[in-house]
Amino acid sequence: MNRIERYERAQEQFQQVLEKVAADRWANPTACADWTARDIAGHVIWGLDMIRTLAAGAEFDDRVGAPGAPRPRDYLGDDPLADWHRKRAVTLRALTPGALDRVVPVRLRGPVPLAEIVTALTVDFLTHAWDLGPAIGVDVRLDPELVDYAWGWAEQTADGLRGPVTFAAALPIPEDADPQTRLLRFLGRDA
């Protein structure tokens, strides 16, 4: 499976959970401290707009849905699911091989190839799919192949990105933890 296929598969996993959020549950708390289901949707959709803009060679300065933003929900229109479907389709078309090679400015990391942002968002989709679980009363089981891929990325990258607006400190990982629990606890989730 290539980078874009993993990205799409992680989007599918996120979408499966997002589609379970009932209209009366958008304000429910999630596993992300201080964020509601609507905040997570706003943040993830913000990420779609960010990567699409960067793929087009433009700068992206909007901070409303950024990691650590206090109210990413404000990034959304009235129908988060419709926003997701519309922006997901447009973004996938923008991720051409030429665009993936483009070096782009990233606020927390400096200039990096867009392909690296695709990988980071793959992990973001996966993690936030799990984060939505408490808001909808579902124990989210993540795709094991994507969990392994995300673990490889997290081991190499997450420690350099830890901070108040990105990943929380890793939580202790039990010796008998399954791969999903290991990944989530490494990324600061109380799994």
N, C-alpha and C. Protein backbone atom coordinates (compact mmCIF):
# COMPACT_ATOMS: atom_id res chain seq x y z
N MET A 1 0.85 -1.17 0.00
CA MET A 1 0.00 0.00 0.00
C MET A 1 0.91 1.24 0.00
N ASN A 2 0.61 2.19 -0.88
CA ASN A 2 1.44 3.40 -0.94
C ASN A 2 0.90 4.47 0.01
N ARG A 3 1.62 5.58 0.06
CA ARG A 3 1.30 6.66 1.00
C ARG A 3 -0.13 7.18 0.82
N ILE A 4 -0.54 7.42 -0.42
CA ILE A 4 -1.88 7.96 -0.67
C ILE A 4 -2.95 6.92 -0.34
N GLU A 5 -2.68 5.66 -0.62
CA GLU A 5 -3.65 4.61 -0.27
C GLU A 5 -3.84 4.53 1.25
N ARG A 6 -2.75 4.66 2.00
CA ARG A 6 -2.87 4.66 3.47
C ARG A 6 -3.64 5.90 3.94
N TYR A 7 -3.35 7.04 3.32
CA TYR A 7 -4.04 8.30 3.64
C TYR A 7 -5.55 8.13 3.41
N GLU A 8 -5.91 7.57 2.27
CA GLU A 8 -7.34 7.37 1.96
C GLU A 8 -7.98 6.37 2.93
N ARG A 9 -7.24 5.33 3.27
CA ARG A 9 -7.79 4.33 4.18
C ARG A 9 -8.01 4.92 5.57
N ALA A 10 -7.08 5.76 6.01
CA ALA A 10 -7.25 6.43 7.31
C ALA A 10 -8.43 7.39 7.26
N GLN A 11 -8.61 8.06 6.12
CA GLN A 11 -9.78 8.93 5.96
C GLN A 11 -11.07 8.11 6.06
N GLU A 12 -11.07 6.94 5.45
CA GLU A 12 -12.25 6.07 5.51
C GLU A 12 -12.57 5.71 6.96
N GLN A 13 -11.52 5.38 7.72
CA GLN A 13 -11.74 5.02 9.12
C GLN A 13 -12.32 6.21 9.88
N PHE A 14 -11.76 7.39 9.66
CA PHE A 14 -12.29 8.59 10.32
C PHE A 14 -13.74 8.83 9.91
N GLN A 15 -14.00 8.70 8.63
CA GLN A 15 -15.35 8.95 8.12
C GLN A 15 -16.36 7.98 8.72
N GLN A 16 -15.98 6.72 8.87
CA GLN A 16 -16.89 5.73 9.46
C GLN A 16 -17.32 6.15 10.86
N VAL A 17 -16.39 6.71 11.62
CA VAL A 17 -16.73 7.16 12.97
C VAL A 17 -17.50 8.48 12.91
N LEU A 18 -17.04 9.40 12.07
CA LEU A 18 -17.70 10.70 11.94
C LEU A 18 -19.17 10.55 11.57
N GLU A 19 -19.46 9.60 10.70
CA GLU A 19 -20.85 9.39 10.26
C GLU A 19 -21.75 8.86 11.37
N LYS A 20 -21.17 8.41 12.47
CA LYS A 20 -21.96 7.91 13.60
C LYS A 20 -22.30 9.02 14.60
N VAL A 21 -21.76 10.22 14.39
CA VAL A 21 -22.04 11.32 15.32
C VAL A 21 -23.43 11.86 15.03
N ALA A 22 -24.36 11.61 15.93
CA ALA A 22 -25.74 12.09 15.77
C ALA A 22 -25.78 13.60 15.99
N ALA A 23 -26.80 14.23 15.45
CA ALA A 23 -26.94 15.69 15.53
C ALA A 23 -26.87 16.20 16.97
N ASP A 24 -27.37 15.43 17.91
CA ASP A 24 -27.37 15.89 19.30
C ASP A 24 -26.08 15.55 20.05
N ARG A 25 -25.06 15.05 19.34
CA ARG A 25 -23.81 14.66 20.00
C ARG A 25 -22.60 15.49 19.58
N TRP A 26 -22.78 16.45 18.72
CA TRP A 26 -21.64 17.26 18.26
C TRP A 26 -20.97 18.02 19.40
N ALA A 27 -21.71 18.35 20.44
CA ALA A 27 -21.14 19.11 21.57
C ALA A 27 -20.58 18.19 22.65
N ASN A 28 -20.65 16.88 22.46
CA ASN A 28 -20.16 15.94 23.46
C ASN A 28 -18.64 15.98 23.56
N PRO A 29 -18.11 15.75 24.77
CA PRO A 29 -16.65 15.71 24.95
C PRO A 29 -16.05 14.49 24.26
N THR A 30 -14.78 14.61 23.93
CA THR A 30 -14.04 13.53 23.26
C THR A 30 -12.82 13.17 24.10
N ALA A 31 -12.01 12.28 23.58
CA ALA A 31 -10.76 11.91 24.25
C ALA A 31 -9.70 13.00 24.10
N CYS A 32 -9.95 14.00 23.28
CA CYS A 32 -9.04 15.14 23.15
C CYS A 32 -9.44 16.18 24.19
N ALA A 33 -8.54 16.46 25.10
CA ALA A 33 -8.85 17.41 26.18
C ALA A 33 -9.41 18.71 25.62
N ASP A 34 -10.52 19.14 26.17
CA ASP A 34 -11.17 20.42 25.85
C ASP A 34 -11.81 20.49 24.47
N TRP A 35 -11.80 19.40 23.70
CA TRP A 35 -12.41 19.43 22.38
C TRP A 35 -13.66 18.56 22.35
N THR A 36 -14.68 19.08 21.69
CA THR A 36 -15.92 18.34 21.45
C THR A 36 -15.80 17.58 20.13
N ALA A 37 -16.82 16.81 19.82
CA ALA A 37 -16.84 16.12 18.52
C ALA A 37 -16.77 17.13 17.39
N ARG A 38 -17.47 18.24 17.54
CA ARG A 38 -17.44 19.29 16.51
C ARG A 38 -16.05 19.91 16.39
N ASP A 39 -15.33 20.06 17.50
CA ASP A 39 -13.96 20.58 17.44
C ASP A 39 -13.05 19.64 16.65
N ILE A 40 -13.18 18.34 16.92
CA ILE A 40 -12.35 17.39 16.18
C ILE A 40 -12.68 17.45 14.69
N ALA A 41 -13.95 17.49 14.35
CA ALA A 41 -14.33 17.60 12.94
C ALA A 41 -13.75 18.87 12.33
N GLY A 42 -13.84 19.99 13.05
CA GLY A 42 -13.29 21.25 12.54
C GLY A 42 -11.79 21.17 12.33
N HIS A 43 -11.09 20.57 13.27
CA HIS A 43 -9.63 20.43 13.16
C HIS A 43 -9.25 19.54 11.97
N VAL A 44 -9.91 18.41 11.83
CA VAL A 44 -9.57 17.49 10.74
C VAL A 44 -9.91 18.11 9.38
N ILE A 45 -11.02 18.79 9.28
CA ILE A 45 -11.39 19.45 8.02
C ILE A 45 -10.44 20.61 7.74
N TRP A 46 -10.02 21.31 8.76
CA TRP A 46 -8.98 22.35 8.61
C TRP A 46 -7.73 21.72 7.98
N GLY A 47 -7.37 20.52 8.44
CA GLY A 47 -6.21 19.83 7.88
C GLY A 47 -6.37 19.54 6.39
N LEU A 48 -7.59 19.20 5.98
CA LEU A 48 -7.85 18.99 4.55
C LEU A 48 -7.61 20.28 3.77
N ASP A 49 -8.12 21.38 4.28
CA ASP A 49 -7.93 22.66 3.60
C ASP A 49 -6.46 23.06 3.57
N MET A 50 -5.76 22.81 4.66
CA MET A 50 -4.35 23.14 4.73
C MET A 50 -3.56 22.38 3.66
N ILE A 51 -3.73 21.07 3.61
CA ILE A 51 -2.92 20.28 2.68
C ILE A 51 -3.29 20.58 1.23
N ARG A 52 -4.55 20.83 0.97
CA ARG A 52 -4.97 21.17 -0.39
C ARG A 52 -4.35 22.51 -0.82
N THR A 53 -4.34 23.48 0.07
CA THR A 53 -3.76 24.78 -0.23
C THR A 53 -2.26 24.66 -0.47
N LEU A 54 -1.58 23.92 0.39
CA LEU A 54 -0.14 23.71 0.23
C LEU A 54 0.16 22.95 -1.06
N ALA A 55 -0.67 21.98 -1.40
CA ALA A 55 -0.48 21.22 -2.64
C ALA A 55 -0.57 22.12 -3.87
N ALA A 56 -1.35 23.17 -3.77
CA ALA A 56 -1.51 24.12 -4.88
C ALA A 56 -0.37 25.13 -4.92
N GLY A 57 0.54 25.06 -3.95
CA GLY A 57 1.68 25.98 -3.94
C GLY A 57 1.41 27.29 -3.24
N ALA A 58 0.31 27.39 -2.52
CA ALA A 58 -0.03 28.63 -1.82
C ALA A 58 0.27 28.48 -0.32
N GLU A 59 0.34 29.60 0.36
CA GLU A 59 0.52 29.58 1.81
C GLU A 59 -0.83 29.41 2.49
N PHE A 60 -0.80 28.80 3.67
CA PHE A 60 -2.03 28.59 4.43
C PHE A 60 -1.81 29.16 5.82
N ASP A 61 -2.48 30.26 6.12
CA ASP A 61 -2.26 30.96 7.39
C ASP A 61 -3.40 30.83 8.38
N ASP A 62 -4.49 30.21 8.01
CA ASP A 62 -5.65 30.12 8.90
C ASP A 62 -5.29 29.27 10.12
N ARG A 63 -5.54 29.78 11.32
CA ARG A 63 -5.19 29.06 12.55
C ARG A 63 -6.42 28.58 13.32
N VAL A 64 -7.62 28.84 12.82
CA VAL A 64 -8.85 28.52 13.57
C VAL A 64 -8.95 27.03 13.90
N GLY A 65 -8.56 26.16 12.99
CA GLY A 65 -8.67 24.73 13.22
C GLY A 65 -7.35 24.05 13.53
N ALA A 66 -6.31 24.84 13.72
CA ALA A 66 -4.96 24.30 13.91
C ALA A 66 -4.83 23.48 15.19
N PRO A 67 -3.79 22.64 15.26
CA PRO A 67 -3.55 21.92 16.51
C PRO A 67 -3.49 22.90 17.68
N GLY A 68 -4.19 22.57 18.74
CA GLY A 68 -4.19 23.41 19.92
C GLY A 68 -5.13 24.60 19.88
N ALA A 69 -5.81 24.82 18.77
CA ALA A 69 -6.75 25.95 18.68
C ALA A 69 -7.86 25.77 19.71
N PRO A 70 -8.32 26.86 20.33
CA PRO A 70 -9.33 26.71 21.38
C PRO A 70 -10.72 26.34 20.88
N ARG A 71 -11.05 26.69 19.63
CA ARG A 71 -12.41 26.43 19.12
C ARG A 71 -12.39 26.03 17.64
N PRO A 72 -11.79 24.89 17.31
CA PRO A 72 -11.79 24.47 15.90
C PRO A 72 -13.19 24.29 15.34
N ARG A 73 -14.19 24.15 16.21
CA ARG A 73 -15.58 24.01 15.76
C ARG A 73 -16.00 25.22 14.93
N ASP A 74 -15.37 26.37 15.18
CA ASP A 74 -15.73 27.59 14.45
C ASP A 74 -15.30 27.53 12.98
N TYR A 75 -14.50 26.53 12.64
CA TYR A 75 -14.04 26.37 11.26
C TYR A 75 -15.12 25.76 10.37
N LEU A 76 -16.12 25.15 10.99
CA LEU A 76 -17.15 24.40 10.26
C LEU A 76 -18.36 25.24 9.89
N GLY A 77 -19.06 24.76 8.87
CA GLY A 77 -20.38 25.30 8.55
C GLY A 77 -21.42 24.60 9.40
N ASP A 78 -22.66 24.64 8.97
CA ASP A 78 -23.76 24.06 9.74
C ASP A 78 -23.79 22.53 9.71
N ASP A 79 -23.18 21.93 8.69
CA ASP A 79 -23.24 20.48 8.51
C ASP A 79 -21.83 19.90 8.41
N PRO A 80 -21.24 19.51 9.54
CA PRO A 80 -19.86 19.01 9.53
C PRO A 80 -19.66 17.83 8.57
N LEU A 81 -20.62 16.94 8.50
CA LEU A 81 -20.47 15.78 7.62
C LEU A 81 -20.45 16.20 6.15
N ALA A 82 -21.29 17.13 5.77
CA ALA A 82 -21.28 17.63 4.39
C ALA A 82 -19.96 18.34 4.09
N ASP A 83 -19.46 19.12 5.06
CA ASP A 83 -18.15 19.78 4.89
C ASP A 83 -17.07 18.73 4.64
N TRP A 84 -17.09 17.68 5.46
CA TRP A 84 -16.10 16.60 5.33
C TRP A 84 -16.15 15.98 3.93
N HIS A 85 -17.31 15.56 3.50
CA HIS A 85 -17.42 14.88 2.21
C HIS A 85 -16.96 15.77 1.06
N ARG A 86 -17.38 17.02 1.07
CA ARG A 86 -17.04 17.94 -0.01
C ARG A 86 -15.53 18.21 -0.04
N LYS A 87 -14.97 18.52 1.11
CA LYS A 87 -13.55 18.89 1.16
C LYS A 87 -12.64 17.67 0.99
N ARG A 88 -13.08 16.53 1.44
CA ARG A 88 -12.28 15.32 1.26
C ARG A 88 -12.10 15.03 -0.23
N ALA A 89 -13.16 15.09 -1.00
CA ALA A 89 -13.10 14.79 -2.43
C ALA A 89 -12.18 15.77 -3.16
N VAL A 90 -12.30 17.04 -2.87
CA VAL A 90 -11.48 18.06 -3.52
C VAL A 90 -10.01 17.89 -3.15
N THR A 91 -9.75 17.57 -1.90
CA THR A 91 -8.38 17.43 -1.43
C THR A 91 -7.69 16.23 -2.08
N LEU A 92 -8.37 15.12 -2.19
CA LEU A 92 -7.75 13.94 -2.81
C LEU A 92 -7.29 14.23 -4.23
N ARG A 93 -8.08 15.00 -4.96
CA ARG A 93 -7.70 15.34 -6.34
C ARG A 93 -6.46 16.23 -6.39
N ALA A 94 -6.21 16.97 -5.34
CA ALA A 94 -5.06 17.89 -5.31
C ALA A 94 -3.74 17.19 -5.01
N LEU A 95 -3.80 15.98 -4.46
CA LEU A 95 -2.58 15.30 -4.04
C LEU A 95 -1.97 14.49 -5.18
N THR A 96 -1.49 15.20 -6.16
CA THR A 96 -0.85 14.59 -7.32
C THR A 96 0.60 14.26 -6.99
N PRO A 97 1.24 13.36 -7.78
CA PRO A 97 2.65 13.05 -7.52
C PRO A 97 3.53 14.31 -7.50
N GLY A 98 3.30 15.24 -8.41
CA GLY A 98 4.09 16.47 -8.41
C GLY A 98 3.88 17.28 -7.15
N ALA A 99 2.66 17.34 -6.67
CA ALA A 99 2.38 18.09 -5.45
C ALA A 99 3.04 17.45 -4.24
N LEU A 100 3.09 16.13 -4.19
CA LEU A 100 3.67 15.44 -3.04
C LEU A 100 5.16 15.72 -2.90
N ASP A 101 5.83 16.02 -4.00
CA ASP A 101 7.26 16.33 -3.97
C ASP A 101 7.54 17.77 -3.56
N ARG A 102 6.53 18.62 -3.62
CA ARG A 102 6.71 20.04 -3.31
C ARG A 102 7.13 20.22 -1.84
N VAL A 103 8.14 21.05 -1.62
CA VAL A 103 8.56 21.39 -0.26
C VAL A 103 7.70 22.57 0.18
N VAL A 104 7.07 22.41 1.34
CA VAL A 104 6.10 23.40 1.81
C VAL A 104 6.47 23.87 3.23
N PRO A 105 6.08 25.10 3.57
CA PRO A 105 6.35 25.59 4.93
C PRO A 105 5.33 25.02 5.92
N VAL A 106 5.82 24.53 7.02
CA VAL A 106 4.94 24.01 8.07
C VAL A 106 5.33 24.69 9.38
N ARG A 107 4.37 25.30 10.00
CA ARG A 107 4.60 26.14 11.18
C ARG A 107 5.40 25.44 12.27
N LEU A 108 5.09 24.22 12.59
CA LEU A 108 5.75 23.53 13.70
C LEU A 108 7.02 22.78 13.32
N ARG A 109 7.29 22.68 12.00
CA ARG A 109 8.43 21.84 11.59
C ARG A 109 9.36 22.51 10.60
N GLY A 110 8.97 23.60 10.00
CA GLY A 110 9.78 24.20 8.95
C GLY A 110 9.44 23.60 7.61
N PRO A 111 10.30 23.80 6.59
CA PRO A 111 10.00 23.29 5.26
C PRO A 111 10.13 21.76 5.19
N VAL A 112 9.12 21.10 4.66
CA VAL A 112 9.13 19.65 4.49
C VAL A 112 8.42 19.29 3.19
N PRO A 113 8.73 18.13 2.61
CA PRO A 113 7.97 17.69 1.44
C PRO A 113 6.50 17.47 1.83
N LEU A 114 5.60 17.82 0.94
CA LEU A 114 4.17 17.65 1.21
C LEU A 114 3.85 16.19 1.54
N ALA A 115 4.60 15.26 0.99
CA ALA A 115 4.37 13.84 1.28
C ALA A 115 4.46 13.57 2.79
N GLU A 116 5.33 14.30 3.49
CA GLU A 116 5.43 14.11 4.94
C GLU A 116 4.17 14.60 5.65
N ILE A 117 3.55 15.64 5.12
CA ILE A 117 2.31 16.13 5.70
C ILE A 117 1.20 15.11 5.48
N VAL A 118 1.21 14.46 4.33
CA VAL A 118 0.24 13.40 4.05
C VAL A 118 0.36 12.30 5.11
N THR A 119 1.59 11.92 5.43
CA THR A 119 1.80 10.89 6.45
C THR A 119 1.30 11.37 7.81
N ALA A 120 1.64 12.59 8.18
CA ALA A 120 1.19 13.13 9.47
C ALA A 120 -0.33 13.16 9.55
N LEU A 121 -0.99 13.55 8.46
CA LEU A 121 -2.45 13.59 8.47
C LEU A 121 -3.05 12.19 8.49
N THR A 122 -2.36 11.23 7.93
CA THR A 122 -2.82 9.84 8.02
C THR A 122 -2.92 9.44 9.49
N VAL A 123 -1.88 9.76 10.25
CA VAL A 123 -1.88 9.47 11.68
C VAL A 123 -2.95 10.30 12.39
N ASP A 124 -3.12 11.55 11.98
CA ASP A 124 -4.12 12.43 12.57
C ASP A 124 -5.53 11.88 12.37
N PHE A 125 -5.86 11.45 11.15
CA PHE A 125 -7.18 10.86 10.89
C PHE A 125 -7.43 9.66 11.79
N LEU A 126 -6.42 8.82 11.87
CA LEU A 126 -6.55 7.59 12.65
C LEU A 126 -6.75 7.89 14.13
N THR A 127 -5.90 8.75 14.66
CA THR A 127 -5.97 9.09 16.08
C THR A 127 -7.29 9.77 16.42
N HIS A 128 -7.70 10.71 15.59
CA HIS A 128 -8.94 11.43 15.88
C HIS A 128 -10.18 10.56 15.65
N ALA A 129 -10.08 9.54 14.84
CA ALA A 129 -11.19 8.57 14.74
C ALA A 129 -11.40 7.94 16.12
N TRP A 130 -10.30 7.56 16.76
CA TRP A 130 -10.41 6.98 18.09
C TRP A 130 -10.90 8.02 19.10
N ASP A 131 -10.40 9.25 19.00
CA ASP A 131 -10.79 10.32 19.93
C ASP A 131 -12.29 10.58 19.92
N LEU A 132 -12.94 10.37 18.78
CA LEU A 132 -14.38 10.61 18.68
C LEU A 132 -15.20 9.56 19.44
N GLY A 133 -14.63 8.40 19.70
CA GLY A 133 -15.37 7.31 20.34
C GLY A 133 -16.17 7.71 21.57
N PRO A 134 -15.55 8.36 22.55
CA PRO A 134 -16.31 8.73 23.75
C PRO A 134 -17.51 9.64 23.47
N ALA A 135 -17.42 10.47 22.46
CA ALA A 135 -18.52 11.39 22.13
C ALA A 135 -19.75 10.65 21.65
N ILE A 136 -19.53 9.47 21.07
CA ILE A 136 -20.66 8.73 20.50
C ILE A 136 -20.90 7.40 21.19
N GLY A 137 -20.13 7.14 22.25
CA GLY A 137 -20.32 5.91 23.01
C GLY A 137 -19.88 4.66 22.28
N VAL A 138 -18.82 4.78 21.50
CA VAL A 138 -18.33 3.65 20.70
C VAL A 138 -16.86 3.38 21.04
N ASP A 139 -16.52 2.12 21.20
CA ASP A 139 -15.12 1.72 21.35
C ASP A 139 -14.58 1.54 19.94
N VAL A 140 -13.77 2.46 19.49
CA VAL A 140 -13.28 2.46 18.11
C VAL A 140 -12.06 1.55 18.01
N ARG A 141 -12.15 0.56 17.13
CA ARG A 141 -11.02 -0.32 16.84
C ARG A 141 -10.41 0.15 15.53
N LEU A 142 -9.15 0.50 15.59
CA LEU A 142 -8.46 1.05 14.42
C LEU A 142 -7.91 -0.06 13.53
N ASP A 143 -7.76 0.26 12.27
CA ASP A 143 -7.21 -0.65 11.27
C ASP A 143 -5.80 -1.06 11.72
N PRO A 144 -5.56 -2.36 11.97
CA PRO A 144 -4.26 -2.80 12.49
C PRO A 144 -3.07 -2.45 11.59
N GLU A 145 -3.27 -2.52 10.29
CA GLU A 145 -2.18 -2.19 9.37
C GLU A 145 -1.82 -0.70 9.46
N LEU A 146 -2.84 0.13 9.58
CA LEU A 146 -2.60 1.57 9.74
C LEU A 146 -1.99 1.88 11.10
N VAL A 147 -2.38 1.14 12.12
CA VAL A 147 -1.79 1.32 13.45
C VAL A 147 -0.30 1.04 13.38
N ASP A 148 0.10 -0.03 12.72
CA ASP A 148 1.52 -0.35 12.58
C ASP A 148 2.27 0.75 11.83
N TYR A 149 1.67 1.25 10.77
CA TYR A 149 2.26 2.34 10.00
C TYR A 149 2.39 3.60 10.86
N ALA A 150 1.33 3.92 11.60
CA ALA A 150 1.34 5.11 12.46
C ALA A 150 2.38 4.97 13.56
N TRP A 151 2.54 3.75 14.08
CA TRP A 151 3.54 3.53 15.12
C TRP A 151 4.94 3.83 14.58
N GLY A 152 5.24 3.37 13.38
CA GLY A 152 6.54 3.65 12.78
C GLY A 152 6.79 5.14 12.66
N TRP A 153 5.77 5.87 12.23
CA TRP A 153 5.89 7.33 12.12
C TRP A 153 6.05 7.96 13.50
N ALA A 154 5.22 7.54 14.44
CA ALA A 154 5.23 8.14 15.78
C ALA A 154 6.56 7.94 16.48
N GLU A 155 7.12 6.76 16.37
CA GLU A 155 8.41 6.49 17.01
C GLU A 155 9.50 7.43 16.51
N GLN A 156 9.45 7.76 15.23
CA GLN A 156 10.48 8.62 14.63
C GLN A 156 10.20 10.10 14.81
N THR A 157 8.93 10.49 14.95
CA THR A 157 8.55 11.89 14.81
C THR A 157 7.90 12.51 16.03
N ALA A 158 7.07 11.78 16.73
CA ALA A 158 6.19 12.38 17.74
C ALA A 158 6.94 13.10 18.85
N ASP A 159 8.04 12.54 19.34
CA ASP A 159 8.74 13.19 20.45
C ASP A 159 9.19 14.60 20.08
N GLY A 160 9.57 14.81 18.83
CA GLY A 160 9.98 16.14 18.38
C GLY A 160 8.83 17.11 18.23
N LEU A 161 7.61 16.60 18.26
CA LEU A 161 6.43 17.45 18.08
C LEU A 161 5.62 17.62 19.37
N ARG A 162 6.06 17.03 20.45
CA ARG A 162 5.26 17.11 21.68
C ARG A 162 5.24 18.54 22.21
N GLY A 163 4.09 18.91 22.72
CA GLY A 163 3.95 20.25 23.28
C GLY A 163 2.49 20.57 23.51
N PRO A 164 2.22 21.76 24.00
CA PRO A 164 0.84 22.10 24.36
C PRO A 164 -0.13 22.14 23.18
N VAL A 165 0.36 22.27 21.95
CA VAL A 165 -0.57 22.34 20.81
C VAL A 165 -0.53 21.10 19.92
N THR A 166 0.27 20.12 20.27
CA THR A 166 0.36 18.93 19.42
C THR A 166 0.08 17.68 20.25
N PHE A 167 1.11 16.85 20.41
CA PHE A 167 0.93 15.61 21.16
C PHE A 167 1.26 15.83 22.63
N ALA A 168 0.40 15.30 23.49
CA ALA A 168 0.67 15.34 24.92
C ALA A 168 1.82 14.39 25.22
N ALA A 169 2.32 14.47 26.43
CA ALA A 169 3.38 13.55 26.84
C ALA A 169 2.87 12.11 26.74
N ALA A 170 3.78 11.23 26.38
CA ALA A 170 3.42 9.81 26.30
C ALA A 170 2.99 9.32 27.68
N LEU A 171 2.00 8.46 27.71
CA LEU A 171 1.56 7.83 28.95
C LEU A 171 2.26 6.49 29.09
N PRO A 172 2.42 5.99 30.31
CA PRO A 172 3.05 4.68 30.47
C PRO A 172 2.32 3.62 29.64
N ILE A 173 3.11 2.78 29.00
CA ILE A 173 2.55 1.74 28.13
C ILE A 173 2.73 0.39 28.81
N PRO A 174 1.62 -0.27 29.14
CA PRO A 174 1.73 -1.59 29.77
C PRO A 174 2.49 -2.56 28.86
N GLU A 175 3.23 -3.46 29.48
CA GLU A 175 4.00 -4.43 28.70
C GLU A 175 3.12 -5.28 27.80
N ASP A 176 1.90 -5.56 28.23
CA ASP A 176 1.01 -6.42 27.45
C ASP A 176 0.06 -5.63 26.55
N ALA A 177 0.36 -4.35 26.31
CA ALA A 177 -0.53 -3.51 25.50
C ALA A 177 -0.58 -4.01 24.06
N ASP A 178 -1.78 -4.01 23.49
CA ASP A 178 -1.91 -4.33 22.07
C ASP A 178 -1.38 -3.14 21.26
N PRO A 179 -1.11 -3.33 19.96
CA PRO A 179 -0.53 -2.24 19.16
C PRO A 179 -1.35 -0.94 19.17
N GLN A 180 -2.67 -1.03 19.15
CA GLN A 180 -3.49 0.19 19.17
C GLN A 180 -3.29 0.94 20.48
N THR A 181 -3.36 0.24 21.59
CA THR A 181 -3.18 0.88 22.90
C THR A 181 -1.79 1.48 23.01
N ARG A 182 -0.78 0.75 22.54
CA ARG A 182 0.60 1.25 22.57
C ARG A 182 0.71 2.57 21.80
N LEU A 183 0.16 2.60 20.59
CA LEU A 183 0.21 3.82 19.78
C LEU A 183 -0.51 4.97 20.47
N LEU A 184 -1.72 4.73 20.91
CA LEU A 184 -2.52 5.80 21.50
C LEU A 184 -1.89 6.34 22.78
N ARG A 185 -1.37 5.48 23.61
CA ARG A 185 -0.73 5.95 24.84
C ARG A 185 0.57 6.69 24.52
N PHE A 186 1.29 6.25 23.51
CA PHE A 186 2.50 6.96 23.09
C PHE A 186 2.16 8.36 22.60
N LEU A 187 0.97 8.51 22.01
CA LEU A 187 0.53 9.82 21.52
C LEU A 187 -0.26 10.59 22.59
N GLY A 188 -0.19 10.14 23.84
CA GLY A 188 -0.78 10.88 24.95
C GLY A 188 -2.24 10.61 25.21
N ARG A 189 -2.79 9.55 24.60
CA ARG A 189 -4.21 9.22 24.81
C ARG A 189 -4.35 8.20 25.93
N ASP A 190 -5.38 8.34 26.74
CA ASP A 190 -5.61 7.43 27.85
C ASP A 190 -6.40 6.21 27.38
N ALA A 191 -5.74 5.40 26.59
CA ALA A 191 -6.37 4.21 26.02
C ALA A 191 -6.15 3.01 26.92
